[in-house]
N, C-alpha and C. Protein backbone atom coordinates (compact mmCIF):
# COMPACT_ATOMS: atom_id res chain seq x y z
N MET A 1 45.68 -6.54 -6.97
CA MET A 1 46.30 -5.94 -5.85
C MET A 1 46.81 -4.53 -6.23
N SER A 2 46.40 -3.48 -5.49
CA SER A 2 46.82 -2.12 -5.93
C SER A 2 48.36 -1.96 -5.62
N ARG A 3 48.97 -1.24 -6.39
CA ARG A 3 50.39 -0.88 -6.29
C ARG A 3 50.56 0.42 -5.64
N ILE A 4 51.65 0.59 -4.83
CA ILE A 4 51.91 1.72 -4.18
C ILE A 4 52.69 2.65 -5.10
N ARG A 5 52.01 3.88 -5.34
CA ARG A 5 52.73 4.77 -6.33
C ARG A 5 53.61 5.67 -5.42
N ILE A 6 54.93 5.58 -5.94
CA ILE A 6 55.99 6.48 -5.20
C ILE A 6 55.96 7.86 -5.72
N ASP A 7 55.63 8.91 -4.90
CA ASP A 7 55.67 10.22 -5.38
C ASP A 7 56.36 11.17 -4.39
N ALA A 8 56.32 12.30 -4.53
CA ALA A 8 56.95 13.28 -3.57
C ALA A 8 56.51 13.32 -2.20
N VAL A 9 55.13 13.20 -2.11
CA VAL A 9 54.41 13.18 -0.75
C VAL A 9 54.85 11.98 -0.02
N LEU A 10 54.95 10.78 -0.64
CA LEU A 10 55.37 9.53 0.16
C LEU A 10 56.86 9.66 0.53
N ILE A 11 57.67 10.12 -0.44
CA ILE A 11 59.14 10.23 -0.04
C ILE A 11 59.24 11.15 1.05
N GLN A 12 58.50 12.41 1.21
CA GLN A 12 58.45 13.29 2.26
C GLN A 12 58.12 12.76 3.59
N ALA A 13 57.05 11.76 3.42
CA ALA A 13 56.44 11.26 4.72
C ALA A 13 57.59 10.25 5.25
N VAL A 14 58.17 9.53 4.34
CA VAL A 14 59.35 8.60 4.93
C VAL A 14 60.43 9.39 5.58
N ILE A 15 60.78 10.40 5.12
CA ILE A 15 61.83 11.17 5.64
C ILE A 15 61.48 11.76 6.98
N ALA A 16 60.28 12.50 7.02
CA ALA A 16 59.83 12.98 8.17
C ALA A 16 59.62 11.92 9.35
N GLY A 17 59.09 10.74 8.93
CA GLY A 17 58.95 9.68 10.00
C GLY A 17 60.35 9.17 10.45
N ALA A 18 61.24 9.03 9.61
CA ALA A 18 62.53 8.53 10.03
C ALA A 18 63.23 9.58 10.92
N LEU A 19 63.22 10.90 10.60
CA LEU A 19 63.89 11.99 11.43
C LEU A 19 63.23 11.94 12.75
N SER A 20 61.70 11.95 12.76
CA SER A 20 61.07 12.09 14.11
C SER A 20 61.41 10.80 14.88
N PHE A 21 61.46 9.68 14.22
CA PHE A 21 61.78 8.41 14.97
C PHE A 21 63.18 8.55 15.72
N ALA A 22 64.12 9.09 14.93
CA ALA A 22 65.43 9.11 15.38
C ALA A 22 65.58 10.11 16.56
N HIS A 23 64.78 11.22 16.43
CA HIS A 23 64.93 12.22 17.53
C HIS A 23 64.21 11.71 18.72
N LEU A 24 63.14 10.97 18.67
CA LEU A 24 62.45 10.37 19.87
C LEU A 24 63.51 9.49 20.60
N HIS A 25 64.10 8.55 19.66
CA HIS A 25 65.06 7.60 20.27
C HIS A 25 66.13 8.34 20.93
N ASP A 26 66.79 9.43 20.42
CA ASP A 26 67.84 10.13 20.96
C ASP A 26 67.37 10.74 22.38
N LEU A 27 66.22 11.33 22.35
CA LEU A 27 65.70 11.95 23.55
C LEU A 27 65.46 10.93 24.69
N ALA A 28 64.88 9.81 24.34
CA ALA A 28 64.68 8.87 25.30
C ALA A 28 66.02 8.19 25.84
N GLU A 29 66.91 8.09 24.93
CA GLU A 29 68.24 7.49 25.40
C GLU A 29 68.93 8.46 26.30
N ALA A 30 68.88 9.82 26.03
CA ALA A 30 69.45 10.83 26.80
C ALA A 30 68.70 11.02 28.18
N ALA A 31 67.48 10.56 28.28
CA ALA A 31 66.63 10.58 29.54
C ALA A 31 66.86 9.37 30.34
N GLY A 32 67.91 8.45 29.98
CA GLY A 32 68.16 7.26 30.80
C GLY A 32 67.52 6.01 30.33
N GLN A 33 66.88 6.03 29.10
CA GLN A 33 66.24 4.86 28.60
C GLN A 33 67.27 4.19 27.44
N ASP A 34 67.95 3.19 27.87
CA ASP A 34 68.97 2.65 27.01
C ASP A 34 68.46 1.40 26.30
N GLY A 35 69.14 0.85 25.33
CA GLY A 35 68.85 -0.38 24.76
C GLY A 35 67.56 -0.37 23.88
N TRP A 36 66.85 -1.48 23.97
CA TRP A 36 65.55 -1.58 23.21
C TRP A 36 64.44 -0.61 23.76
N LYS A 37 64.57 -0.12 25.02
CA LYS A 37 63.65 0.74 25.59
C LYS A 37 63.57 2.01 24.79
N ALA A 38 64.80 2.54 24.43
CA ALA A 38 64.93 3.77 23.71
C ALA A 38 64.22 3.74 22.37
N TRP A 39 64.25 2.54 21.70
CA TRP A 39 63.70 2.32 20.44
C TRP A 39 62.07 2.22 20.53
N ALA A 40 61.59 1.75 21.71
CA ALA A 40 60.24 1.49 21.88
C ALA A 40 59.35 2.89 21.98
N TYR A 41 60.12 3.99 22.47
CA TYR A 41 59.35 5.12 22.66
C TYR A 41 58.93 5.74 21.32
N PRO A 42 59.73 5.81 20.29
CA PRO A 42 59.19 6.33 18.98
C PRO A 42 57.99 5.56 18.53
N VAL A 43 58.16 4.23 18.63
CA VAL A 43 56.95 3.37 18.21
C VAL A 43 55.65 3.72 19.07
N SER A 44 55.76 3.98 20.36
CA SER A 44 54.67 4.28 21.11
C SER A 44 54.08 5.56 20.70
N VAL A 45 54.85 6.59 20.45
CA VAL A 45 54.37 7.89 20.00
C VAL A 45 53.61 7.79 18.68
N ASP A 46 54.19 7.07 17.72
CA ASP A 46 53.58 7.03 16.41
C ASP A 46 52.35 6.25 16.35
N LEU A 47 52.32 5.16 17.18
CA LEU A 47 51.08 4.37 17.48
C LEU A 47 49.92 5.20 17.96
N LEU A 48 50.25 5.98 18.96
CA LEU A 48 49.19 6.85 19.44
C LEU A 48 48.58 7.92 18.55
N LEU A 49 49.52 8.40 17.64
CA LEU A 49 49.15 9.41 16.58
C LEU A 49 48.22 8.72 15.62
N VAL A 50 48.59 7.34 15.24
CA VAL A 50 47.79 6.63 14.20
C VAL A 50 46.35 6.39 14.83
N ALA A 51 46.35 6.00 16.09
CA ALA A 51 45.06 5.57 16.77
C ALA A 51 44.08 6.81 16.89
N ALA A 52 44.71 7.91 17.22
CA ALA A 52 43.85 9.27 17.34
C ALA A 52 43.48 9.58 15.94
N TRP A 53 44.21 9.54 14.97
CA TRP A 53 43.85 9.91 13.63
C TRP A 53 42.80 9.12 13.05
N ARG A 54 42.84 7.81 13.30
CA ARG A 54 41.70 6.95 12.80
C ARG A 54 40.48 7.20 13.58
N ARG A 55 40.50 7.48 14.78
CA ARG A 55 39.27 7.74 15.52
C ARG A 55 38.69 9.08 15.07
N MET A 56 39.47 9.95 14.77
CA MET A 56 38.89 11.28 14.16
C MET A 56 38.18 11.02 12.92
N ARG A 57 38.71 10.09 12.19
CA ARG A 57 38.05 9.81 10.68
C ARG A 57 36.81 9.07 10.81
N THR A 58 36.64 8.24 12.02
CA THR A 58 35.41 7.32 11.97
C THR A 58 34.44 7.68 12.88
N THR A 59 34.55 8.83 13.77
CA THR A 59 33.69 9.19 14.77
C THR A 59 33.28 10.60 14.71
N ALA A 60 32.10 10.98 14.69
CA ALA A 60 31.61 12.27 14.67
C ALA A 60 32.07 13.11 15.82
N ASP A 61 31.83 12.60 17.01
CA ASP A 61 32.26 13.29 18.40
C ASP A 61 33.62 12.90 18.61
N ASN A 62 34.55 13.73 18.10
CA ASN A 62 36.10 13.21 18.20
C ASN A 62 36.85 14.28 19.06
N ARG A 63 36.22 14.90 20.11
CA ARG A 63 37.05 15.69 20.93
C ARG A 63 38.04 14.99 21.76
N ALA A 64 37.83 13.62 22.17
CA ALA A 64 38.82 12.91 22.83
C ALA A 64 39.90 12.53 21.90
N ALA A 65 39.59 12.31 20.66
CA ALA A 65 40.65 11.83 19.64
C ALA A 65 41.51 13.07 19.38
N TRP A 66 40.89 14.31 19.20
CA TRP A 66 41.76 15.37 18.99
C TRP A 66 42.66 15.73 20.19
N ALA A 67 42.25 15.41 21.44
CA ALA A 67 43.04 15.79 22.60
C ALA A 67 44.27 14.84 22.64
N TRP A 68 44.03 13.49 22.29
CA TRP A 68 45.16 12.59 22.41
C TRP A 68 46.12 12.68 21.11
N PHE A 69 45.50 13.20 19.96
CA PHE A 69 46.36 13.55 18.80
C PHE A 69 47.28 14.60 19.10
N VAL A 70 46.73 15.72 19.83
CA VAL A 70 47.61 16.82 20.13
C VAL A 70 48.72 16.39 21.20
N ILE A 71 48.41 15.48 22.19
CA ILE A 71 49.36 15.13 23.06
C ILE A 71 50.52 14.32 22.38
N ALA A 72 50.07 13.45 21.52
CA ALA A 72 51.15 12.59 20.68
C ALA A 72 51.86 13.49 19.88
N LEU A 73 51.25 14.48 19.19
CA LEU A 73 52.01 15.47 18.26
C LEU A 73 52.99 16.33 19.03
N ALA A 74 52.59 16.70 20.24
CA ALA A 74 53.36 17.53 21.15
C ALA A 74 54.68 16.75 21.53
N ALA A 75 54.45 15.39 21.85
CA ALA A 75 55.58 14.57 22.19
C ALA A 75 56.54 14.49 21.03
N SER A 76 56.09 14.28 19.82
CA SER A 76 56.93 14.16 18.72
C SER A 76 57.68 15.47 18.34
N LEU A 77 56.87 16.65 18.30
CA LEU A 77 57.55 17.84 18.09
C LEU A 77 58.51 18.32 19.14
N GLY A 78 58.09 17.95 20.40
CA GLY A 78 59.08 18.32 21.51
C GLY A 78 60.36 17.65 21.37
N ALA A 79 60.17 16.32 20.91
CA ALA A 79 61.69 15.61 20.75
C ALA A 79 62.40 16.20 19.67
N ASN A 80 61.70 16.59 18.57
CA ASN A 80 62.39 17.13 17.46
C ASN A 80 63.02 18.65 17.79
N VAL A 81 62.30 19.38 18.48
CA VAL A 81 62.86 20.68 18.93
C VAL A 81 64.07 20.44 20.04
N ALA A 82 63.84 19.48 20.91
CA ALA A 82 64.88 19.40 21.95
C ALA A 82 66.21 18.75 21.47
N THR A 83 66.09 18.01 20.48
CA THR A 83 67.34 17.51 19.90
C THR A 83 68.00 18.39 18.92
N ALA A 84 67.42 19.46 18.67
CA ALA A 84 67.98 20.47 17.60
C ALA A 84 69.14 21.37 18.27
N GLY A 85 69.48 21.06 19.51
CA GLY A 85 70.54 21.88 20.01
C GLY A 85 70.07 22.78 21.17
N LEU A 86 68.70 22.80 21.35
CA LEU A 86 68.22 23.75 22.49
C LEU A 86 68.26 23.01 23.78
N LEU A 87 68.48 21.74 23.86
CA LEU A 87 68.60 20.92 25.12
C LEU A 87 69.95 20.20 25.12
N ASP A 88 70.64 20.37 26.28
CA ASP A 88 71.90 19.62 26.53
C ASP A 88 71.61 18.13 26.79
N LEU A 89 71.80 17.26 25.78
CA LEU A 89 71.40 15.92 25.97
C LEU A 89 72.31 15.16 26.91
N ASN A 90 73.43 15.81 27.27
CA ASN A 90 74.24 15.22 28.32
C ASN A 90 73.79 15.51 29.77
N ASP A 91 72.93 16.52 29.99
CA ASP A 91 72.43 16.92 31.19
C ASP A 91 70.93 17.33 31.03
N VAL A 92 70.13 16.13 30.93
CA VAL A 92 68.74 16.24 30.89
C VAL A 92 68.12 16.70 32.11
N PRO A 93 67.17 17.57 32.24
CA PRO A 93 66.64 17.98 33.54
C PRO A 93 65.72 16.89 34.10
N ALA A 94 65.38 17.03 35.36
CA ALA A 94 64.77 15.99 35.97
C ALA A 94 63.27 15.77 35.48
N TRP A 95 62.60 17.07 35.21
CA TRP A 95 61.28 17.04 34.77
C TRP A 95 61.01 16.25 33.53
N LEU A 96 62.20 16.35 32.64
CA LEU A 96 62.05 15.66 31.31
C LEU A 96 62.21 14.18 31.55
N ARG A 97 63.11 13.85 32.49
CA ARG A 97 63.33 12.38 32.83
C ARG A 97 62.04 11.76 33.30
N ILE A 98 61.40 12.56 34.12
CA ILE A 98 60.02 12.12 34.76
C ILE A 98 58.93 11.98 33.67
N LEU A 99 59.00 12.96 32.72
CA LEU A 99 58.05 12.89 31.65
C LEU A 99 58.29 11.67 30.69
N VAL A 100 59.50 11.48 30.30
CA VAL A 100 59.87 10.36 29.49
C VAL A 100 59.55 9.05 30.17
N ALA A 101 59.88 8.89 31.49
CA ALA A 101 59.52 7.63 32.24
C ALA A 101 58.05 7.42 32.36
N GLY A 102 57.25 8.50 32.34
CA GLY A 102 55.77 8.30 32.45
C GLY A 102 55.00 8.09 31.09
N TRP A 103 55.80 8.32 30.12
CA TRP A 103 55.12 8.27 28.78
C TRP A 103 54.48 6.99 28.44
N PRO A 104 55.13 5.91 28.76
CA PRO A 104 54.47 4.53 28.41
C PRO A 104 53.11 4.35 28.99
N ALA A 105 52.95 4.73 30.32
CA ALA A 105 51.56 4.65 30.88
C ALA A 105 50.58 5.56 30.23
N LEU A 106 50.96 6.85 29.98
CA LEU A 106 50.18 7.78 29.39
C LEU A 106 49.61 7.32 27.92
N ALA A 107 50.63 6.73 27.20
CA ALA A 107 50.28 6.32 25.84
C ALA A 107 49.34 5.12 25.92
N PHE A 108 49.58 4.18 26.84
CA PHE A 108 48.68 3.06 27.03
C PHE A 108 47.28 3.37 27.35
N LEU A 109 47.17 4.50 28.24
CA LEU A 109 45.75 4.98 28.72
C LEU A 109 45.19 5.54 27.41
N GLY A 110 45.87 6.36 26.67
CA GLY A 110 45.24 7.07 25.50
C GLY A 110 44.87 6.05 24.47
N GLY A 111 45.74 4.96 24.26
CA GLY A 111 45.38 4.06 23.10
C GLY A 111 44.14 3.30 23.56
N THR A 112 44.05 2.87 24.95
CA THR A 112 42.97 2.06 25.46
C THR A 112 41.61 2.90 25.27
N LEU A 113 41.64 4.13 25.64
CA LEU A 113 40.44 5.00 25.52
C LEU A 113 40.02 5.20 24.02
N LEU A 114 40.95 5.25 23.15
CA LEU A 114 40.58 5.60 21.80
C LEU A 114 40.06 4.27 21.12
N VAL A 115 40.59 3.09 21.52
CA VAL A 115 40.13 1.85 20.76
C VAL A 115 38.78 1.35 21.42
N HIS A 116 38.76 1.37 22.81
CA HIS A 116 37.67 0.78 23.41
C HIS A 116 36.57 1.79 23.90
N ALA A 117 36.53 3.12 23.25
CA ALA A 117 35.53 4.09 23.69
C ALA A 117 34.21 3.57 23.39
N PRO A 118 33.14 3.76 24.13
CA PRO A 118 31.86 3.35 23.76
C PRO A 118 31.29 4.17 22.59
N THR A 119 30.60 3.54 21.71
CA THR A 119 30.00 4.21 20.55
C THR A 119 28.64 4.28 20.85
N THR A 120 27.95 5.34 20.29
CA THR A 120 26.51 5.45 20.28
C THR A 120 25.87 4.46 19.44
N ALA A 121 25.02 3.69 20.03
CA ALA A 121 24.32 2.68 19.33
C ALA A 121 23.14 3.26 18.36
N GLU A 122 23.32 2.81 17.14
CA GLU A 122 22.25 3.37 16.27
C GLU A 122 20.79 2.86 16.65
N PRO A 123 19.83 3.70 16.72
CA PRO A 123 18.48 3.24 16.94
C PRO A 123 17.98 2.15 16.00
N GLU A 124 17.47 1.18 16.61
CA GLU A 124 16.89 0.11 15.77
C GLU A 124 15.72 0.69 14.88
N PRO A 125 15.74 0.28 13.58
CA PRO A 125 14.60 0.82 12.85
C PRO A 125 13.30 0.18 13.30
N THR A 126 12.22 1.00 13.24
CA THR A 126 10.97 0.55 13.68
C THR A 126 10.44 -0.43 12.61
N PRO A 127 10.02 -1.64 13.00
CA PRO A 127 9.58 -2.50 11.94
C PRO A 127 8.27 -1.99 11.33
N ALA A 128 8.16 -2.07 9.96
CA ALA A 128 7.06 -1.59 9.41
C ALA A 128 5.91 -2.32 9.71
N ALA A 129 4.70 -1.63 9.80
CA ALA A 129 3.44 -2.44 10.06
C ALA A 129 3.21 -3.52 9.02
N VAL A 130 3.04 -4.74 9.55
CA VAL A 130 2.78 -5.78 8.58
C VAL A 130 1.18 -5.97 8.36
N PRO A 131 0.76 -5.86 7.21
CA PRO A 131 -0.75 -5.92 7.04
C PRO A 131 -1.16 -7.33 7.42
N PRO A 132 -2.37 -7.39 8.07
CA PRO A 132 -2.86 -8.79 8.39
C PRO A 132 -3.01 -9.54 7.29
N VAL A 133 -2.59 -10.82 7.60
CA VAL A 133 -2.71 -11.77 6.43
C VAL A 133 -4.12 -12.53 6.54
N ALA A 134 -4.69 -12.44 5.45
CA ALA A 134 -6.11 -13.10 5.40
C ALA A 134 -5.88 -14.63 5.65
N PRO A 135 -6.80 -15.19 6.26
CA PRO A 135 -6.74 -16.64 6.44
C PRO A 135 -6.85 -17.36 5.19
N ALA A 136 -6.13 -18.40 5.00
CA ALA A 136 -6.22 -19.19 3.83
C ALA A 136 -7.60 -19.79 3.61
N ALA A 137 -8.18 -19.55 2.46
CA ALA A 137 -9.39 -20.06 2.05
C ALA A 137 -9.59 -21.53 2.08
N GLU A 138 -10.56 -22.16 2.51
CA GLU A 138 -10.62 -23.54 2.50
C GLU A 138 -10.89 -24.09 1.10
N PRO A 139 -10.23 -25.09 0.73
CA PRO A 139 -10.47 -25.67 -0.59
C PRO A 139 -11.79 -26.02 -0.89
N VAL A 140 -12.30 -25.58 -1.95
CA VAL A 140 -13.69 -25.87 -2.38
C VAL A 140 -13.73 -27.22 -3.15
N PRO A 141 -14.48 -28.12 -2.70
CA PRO A 141 -14.57 -29.50 -3.37
C PRO A 141 -15.04 -29.27 -4.80
N ASP A 142 -14.49 -30.11 -5.65
CA ASP A 142 -14.93 -30.06 -7.04
C ASP A 142 -16.42 -30.55 -7.19
N VAL A 143 -17.21 -29.72 -7.69
CA VAL A 143 -18.62 -30.04 -7.94
C VAL A 143 -18.84 -30.03 -9.44
N THR A 144 -19.40 -31.26 -9.79
CA THR A 144 -19.83 -31.41 -11.28
C THR A 144 -21.33 -31.19 -11.37
N VAL A 145 -21.68 -30.16 -12.22
CA VAL A 145 -22.95 -29.69 -12.37
C VAL A 145 -23.49 -30.27 -13.64
N GLU A 146 -24.43 -31.19 -13.53
CA GLU A 146 -25.10 -31.80 -14.83
C GLU A 146 -26.19 -30.84 -15.20
N ARG A 147 -26.18 -30.55 -16.43
CA ARG A 147 -27.22 -29.62 -16.88
C ARG A 147 -28.30 -30.52 -17.64
N ALA A 148 -29.54 -30.22 -17.25
CA ALA A 148 -30.70 -30.91 -17.84
C ALA A 148 -30.79 -30.51 -19.28
N PRO A 149 -31.14 -31.42 -20.19
CA PRO A 149 -31.34 -30.95 -21.61
C PRO A 149 -32.45 -29.95 -21.71
N ASP A 150 -32.21 -29.00 -22.48
CA ASP A 150 -33.26 -27.98 -22.85
C ASP A 150 -34.50 -28.53 -23.45
N ARG A 151 -35.55 -28.24 -22.87
CA ARG A 151 -36.91 -28.66 -23.36
C ARG A 151 -37.29 -27.86 -24.52
N ALA A 152 -37.80 -28.47 -25.52
CA ALA A 152 -38.39 -27.68 -26.66
C ALA A 152 -39.43 -26.76 -26.25
N PRO A 153 -39.33 -25.58 -26.65
CA PRO A 153 -40.42 -24.63 -26.34
C PRO A 153 -41.81 -25.19 -26.77
N GLU A 154 -42.67 -24.98 -25.79
CA GLU A 154 -44.08 -25.47 -26.05
C GLU A 154 -44.87 -24.55 -27.09
N LEU A 155 -45.31 -24.99 -28.07
CA LEU A 155 -46.12 -24.10 -28.88
C LEU A 155 -47.50 -23.82 -28.36
N PRO A 156 -48.00 -22.64 -28.43
CA PRO A 156 -49.42 -22.51 -27.98
C PRO A 156 -50.36 -23.28 -28.71
N PRO A 157 -51.41 -23.86 -28.15
CA PRO A 157 -52.26 -24.61 -28.89
C PRO A 157 -52.99 -23.92 -29.98
N ALA A 158 -53.19 -24.56 -31.03
CA ALA A 158 -53.77 -23.98 -32.10
C ALA A 158 -55.31 -23.55 -31.83
N PRO A 159 -55.72 -22.39 -32.12
CA PRO A 159 -57.12 -22.01 -31.79
C PRO A 159 -58.13 -22.95 -32.41
N ALA A 160 -59.04 -23.28 -31.59
CA ALA A 160 -60.08 -24.24 -32.16
C ALA A 160 -60.92 -23.41 -33.19
N ALA A 161 -61.25 -24.21 -34.13
CA ALA A 161 -62.03 -23.60 -35.35
C ALA A 161 -63.49 -23.33 -34.72
N ASP A 162 -63.78 -22.12 -35.13
CA ASP A 162 -65.23 -21.64 -34.81
C ASP A 162 -66.18 -22.62 -35.25
N PRO A 163 -67.03 -23.01 -34.42
CA PRO A 163 -68.09 -24.05 -34.79
C PRO A 163 -68.95 -23.35 -35.83
N ALA A 164 -69.44 -24.15 -36.65
CA ALA A 164 -70.35 -23.48 -37.65
C ALA A 164 -71.61 -23.07 -36.98
N PRO A 165 -72.03 -21.86 -37.41
CA PRO A 165 -73.20 -21.24 -36.75
C PRO A 165 -74.45 -22.22 -37.04
N VAL A 166 -75.02 -22.33 -35.81
CA VAL A 166 -76.24 -23.15 -35.81
C VAL A 166 -77.44 -22.31 -36.14
N PRO A 167 -78.20 -22.50 -37.06
CA PRO A 167 -79.27 -21.79 -37.29
C PRO A 167 -80.26 -21.84 -36.29
N VAL A 168 -80.62 -20.59 -35.87
CA VAL A 168 -81.62 -20.44 -34.79
C VAL A 168 -83.07 -20.47 -35.45
N PRO A 169 -83.74 -21.36 -34.87
CA PRO A 169 -85.03 -21.43 -35.51
C PRO A 169 -85.88 -20.32 -35.14
N ALA A 170 -86.68 -19.88 -35.84
CA ALA A 170 -87.51 -18.79 -35.82
C ALA A 170 -88.39 -19.03 -34.49
N PRO A 171 -88.49 -18.03 -33.61
CA PRO A 171 -89.22 -18.34 -32.45
C PRO A 171 -90.74 -18.47 -32.78
N ALA A 172 -91.31 -19.42 -32.08
CA ALA A 172 -92.68 -19.73 -32.20
C ALA A 172 -93.57 -18.46 -31.81
N SER A 173 -94.66 -18.36 -32.32
CA SER A 173 -95.50 -17.23 -31.90
C SER A 173 -95.74 -17.31 -30.39
N ALA A 174 -95.20 -16.32 -29.65
CA ALA A 174 -95.34 -16.38 -28.25
C ALA A 174 -96.76 -16.02 -27.92
N ALA A 175 -97.19 -16.53 -26.87
CA ALA A 175 -98.58 -16.22 -26.45
C ALA A 175 -98.63 -14.79 -25.86
N VAL A 176 -99.58 -14.01 -26.64
CA VAL A 176 -99.60 -12.61 -26.21
C VAL A 176 -100.90 -12.45 -25.45
N PRO A 177 -100.77 -11.77 -24.30
CA PRO A 177 -102.00 -11.53 -23.50
C PRO A 177 -102.95 -10.62 -24.35
N PRO A 178 -104.12 -10.90 -24.22
CA PRO A 178 -105.17 -10.16 -25.06
C PRO A 178 -105.16 -8.62 -24.66
N ALA A 179 -104.86 -8.36 -23.46
CA ALA A 179 -104.88 -6.84 -23.08
C ALA A 179 -103.71 -6.25 -23.73
N LEU A 180 -102.54 -6.91 -23.78
CA LEU A 180 -101.33 -6.42 -24.40
C LEU A 180 -101.64 -6.27 -25.99
N LEU A 181 -102.20 -7.24 -26.50
CA LEU A 181 -102.51 -7.26 -27.98
C LEU A 181 -103.50 -6.02 -28.31
N ASP A 182 -104.47 -5.82 -27.42
CA ASP A 182 -105.39 -4.67 -27.72
C ASP A 182 -104.58 -3.33 -27.60
N HIS A 183 -103.72 -3.34 -26.69
CA HIS A 183 -103.04 -1.97 -26.41
C HIS A 183 -102.08 -1.82 -27.74
N ALA A 184 -101.45 -2.86 -28.11
CA ALA A 184 -100.54 -2.75 -29.36
C ALA A 184 -101.31 -2.45 -30.56
N ARG A 185 -102.60 -2.87 -30.70
CA ARG A 185 -103.33 -2.64 -31.87
C ARG A 185 -103.76 -1.21 -31.93
N LYS A 186 -104.02 -0.48 -30.68
CA LYS A 186 -104.32 0.84 -30.64
C LYS A 186 -103.12 1.62 -31.08
N LEU A 187 -101.92 1.24 -30.54
CA LEU A 187 -100.64 2.00 -31.00
C LEU A 187 -100.40 1.89 -32.51
N ALA A 188 -100.68 0.71 -33.00
CA ALA A 188 -100.46 0.49 -34.39
C ALA A 188 -101.50 1.32 -35.25
N ASP A 189 -102.68 1.50 -34.78
CA ASP A 189 -103.62 2.25 -35.56
C ASP A 189 -103.24 3.75 -35.50
N ALA A 190 -102.78 4.23 -34.27
CA ALA A 190 -102.39 5.63 -34.15
C ALA A 190 -101.22 5.90 -34.94
N HIS A 191 -100.35 4.92 -35.02
CA HIS A 191 -99.08 5.11 -35.88
C HIS A 191 -99.40 5.16 -37.34
N GLN A 192 -100.34 4.32 -37.77
CA GLN A 192 -100.66 4.34 -39.21
C GLN A 192 -101.52 5.58 -39.56
N THR A 193 -102.31 6.12 -38.63
CA THR A 193 -103.04 7.31 -38.93
C THR A 193 -102.13 8.45 -39.01
N ALA A 194 -101.08 8.45 -38.14
CA ALA A 194 -100.12 9.49 -38.11
C ALA A 194 -99.13 9.55 -39.22
N THR A 195 -98.69 8.44 -39.66
CA THR A 195 -97.59 8.33 -40.61
C THR A 195 -98.08 7.71 -42.04
N GLY A 196 -99.10 7.07 -42.00
CA GLY A 196 -99.73 6.42 -43.22
C GLY A 196 -99.13 5.08 -43.43
N ASP A 197 -98.10 4.64 -42.52
CA ASP A 197 -97.41 3.35 -42.81
C ASP A 197 -97.78 2.46 -41.58
N ARG A 198 -97.61 1.23 -41.80
CA ARG A 198 -97.87 0.33 -40.78
C ARG A 198 -96.69 0.23 -39.70
N ILE A 199 -96.97 0.08 -38.51
CA ILE A 199 -95.95 0.08 -37.42
C ILE A 199 -94.94 -1.11 -37.67
N ASP A 200 -93.78 -0.99 -37.50
CA ASP A 200 -92.88 -2.14 -37.52
C ASP A 200 -92.59 -2.78 -36.21
N SER A 201 -91.77 -3.77 -36.19
CA SER A 201 -91.61 -4.58 -34.83
C SER A 201 -90.70 -3.59 -34.06
N ALA A 202 -89.69 -2.89 -34.53
CA ALA A 202 -88.79 -2.20 -33.65
C ALA A 202 -89.51 -1.05 -33.10
N THR A 203 -90.40 -0.29 -33.81
CA THR A 203 -91.03 0.78 -33.22
C THR A 203 -92.05 0.26 -32.22
N LEU A 204 -92.64 -0.84 -32.38
CA LEU A 204 -93.56 -1.42 -31.49
C LEU A 204 -92.87 -1.81 -30.12
N ARG A 205 -91.73 -2.39 -30.37
CA ARG A 205 -91.00 -2.76 -29.23
C ARG A 205 -90.58 -1.59 -28.28
N ALA A 206 -90.13 -0.53 -29.01
CA ALA A 206 -89.81 0.66 -28.28
C ALA A 206 -91.00 1.27 -27.61
N ARG A 207 -92.11 1.30 -28.16
CA ARG A 207 -93.32 1.90 -27.63
C ARG A 207 -93.85 0.96 -26.35
N LEU A 208 -93.73 -0.31 -26.52
CA LEU A 208 -94.38 -1.18 -25.52
C LEU A 208 -93.28 -1.46 -24.47
N GLY A 209 -92.02 -1.44 -24.74
CA GLY A 209 -90.93 -1.86 -23.87
C GLY A 209 -90.96 -3.33 -23.56
N VAL A 210 -91.07 -4.13 -24.58
CA VAL A 210 -91.19 -5.58 -24.35
C VAL A 210 -89.96 -6.02 -25.10
N PRO A 211 -89.53 -7.33 -24.85
CA PRO A 211 -88.50 -8.04 -25.58
C PRO A 211 -88.73 -8.10 -27.11
N ALA A 212 -87.68 -8.37 -27.99
CA ALA A 212 -87.84 -8.40 -29.45
C ALA A 212 -88.69 -9.52 -29.78
N PRO A 213 -88.52 -10.78 -29.17
CA PRO A 213 -89.46 -11.83 -29.72
C PRO A 213 -90.92 -11.49 -29.48
N LEU A 214 -91.22 -10.94 -28.34
CA LEU A 214 -92.67 -10.68 -28.10
C LEU A 214 -93.12 -9.56 -28.92
N ALA A 215 -92.22 -8.65 -29.21
CA ALA A 215 -92.65 -7.64 -30.15
C ALA A 215 -92.84 -8.16 -31.63
N ASP A 216 -92.10 -9.08 -32.08
CA ASP A 216 -92.24 -9.75 -33.28
C ASP A 216 -93.56 -10.57 -33.37
N ALA A 217 -93.92 -11.20 -32.24
CA ALA A 217 -95.09 -11.97 -32.10
C ALA A 217 -96.37 -11.16 -32.25
N ILE A 218 -96.19 -9.90 -31.53
CA ILE A 218 -97.34 -9.01 -31.63
C ILE A 218 -97.62 -8.45 -32.97
N THR A 219 -96.31 -8.11 -33.63
CA THR A 219 -96.52 -7.47 -35.00
C THR A 219 -97.11 -8.51 -35.92
N ALA A 220 -96.72 -9.82 -35.79
CA ALA A 220 -97.32 -10.84 -36.69
C ALA A 220 -98.68 -10.94 -36.62
N GLN A 221 -99.26 -10.79 -35.30
CA GLN A 221 -100.67 -10.98 -34.99
C GLN A 221 -101.44 -9.77 -35.60
N LEU A 222 -100.71 -8.60 -35.61
CA LEU A 222 -101.42 -7.42 -36.06
C LEU A 222 -101.58 -7.34 -37.47
N ALA A 223 -100.73 -8.11 -38.20
CA ALA A 223 -100.80 -8.06 -39.72
C ALA A 223 -102.03 -8.49 -40.21
């Protein structure tokens, strides 16, 4: 709990409040308010001052609070000046009596307006855009995957051994037409005359344009 520190400002405030309170009481009593009513006037003025001051501290638009603060301050200062010998408290004028008598209603009106004045409602914050919620994914059933055993890689088949060459029998002497044989004999004679060598099977085959077996048969018969 914080302690109240007594300093010069606090003492001065107590003295000023007590003197102002006494002056308001004396003025109200001189204006015809006796007994407890004279003591209620200082309380009414001070309460209006406090209400106006609090409103000025808490509200930005405080023109009404300033107006009522000035009214309450004028009432307090007026009582202080009036009781300083400038006013005959034994013969208070009628307008002052009317002002003192109407003060309670005026103070009640000011206090009510200060306490229950409408305040500007703060604008509600715009709700932030909520991102769309993705639908919940359906649960996936547990699936057991059985993996088939890996098959051993198939080796390529071994190449088959080349069959042993089958000896091709020498072709039998093909039947040579007589006309073809006579023509071949002429070519062989011309070849031997020109070259001095006997014609071979390859040359004869090239000259006659016959297959190799037939050329071999003709060469064999020309030998």
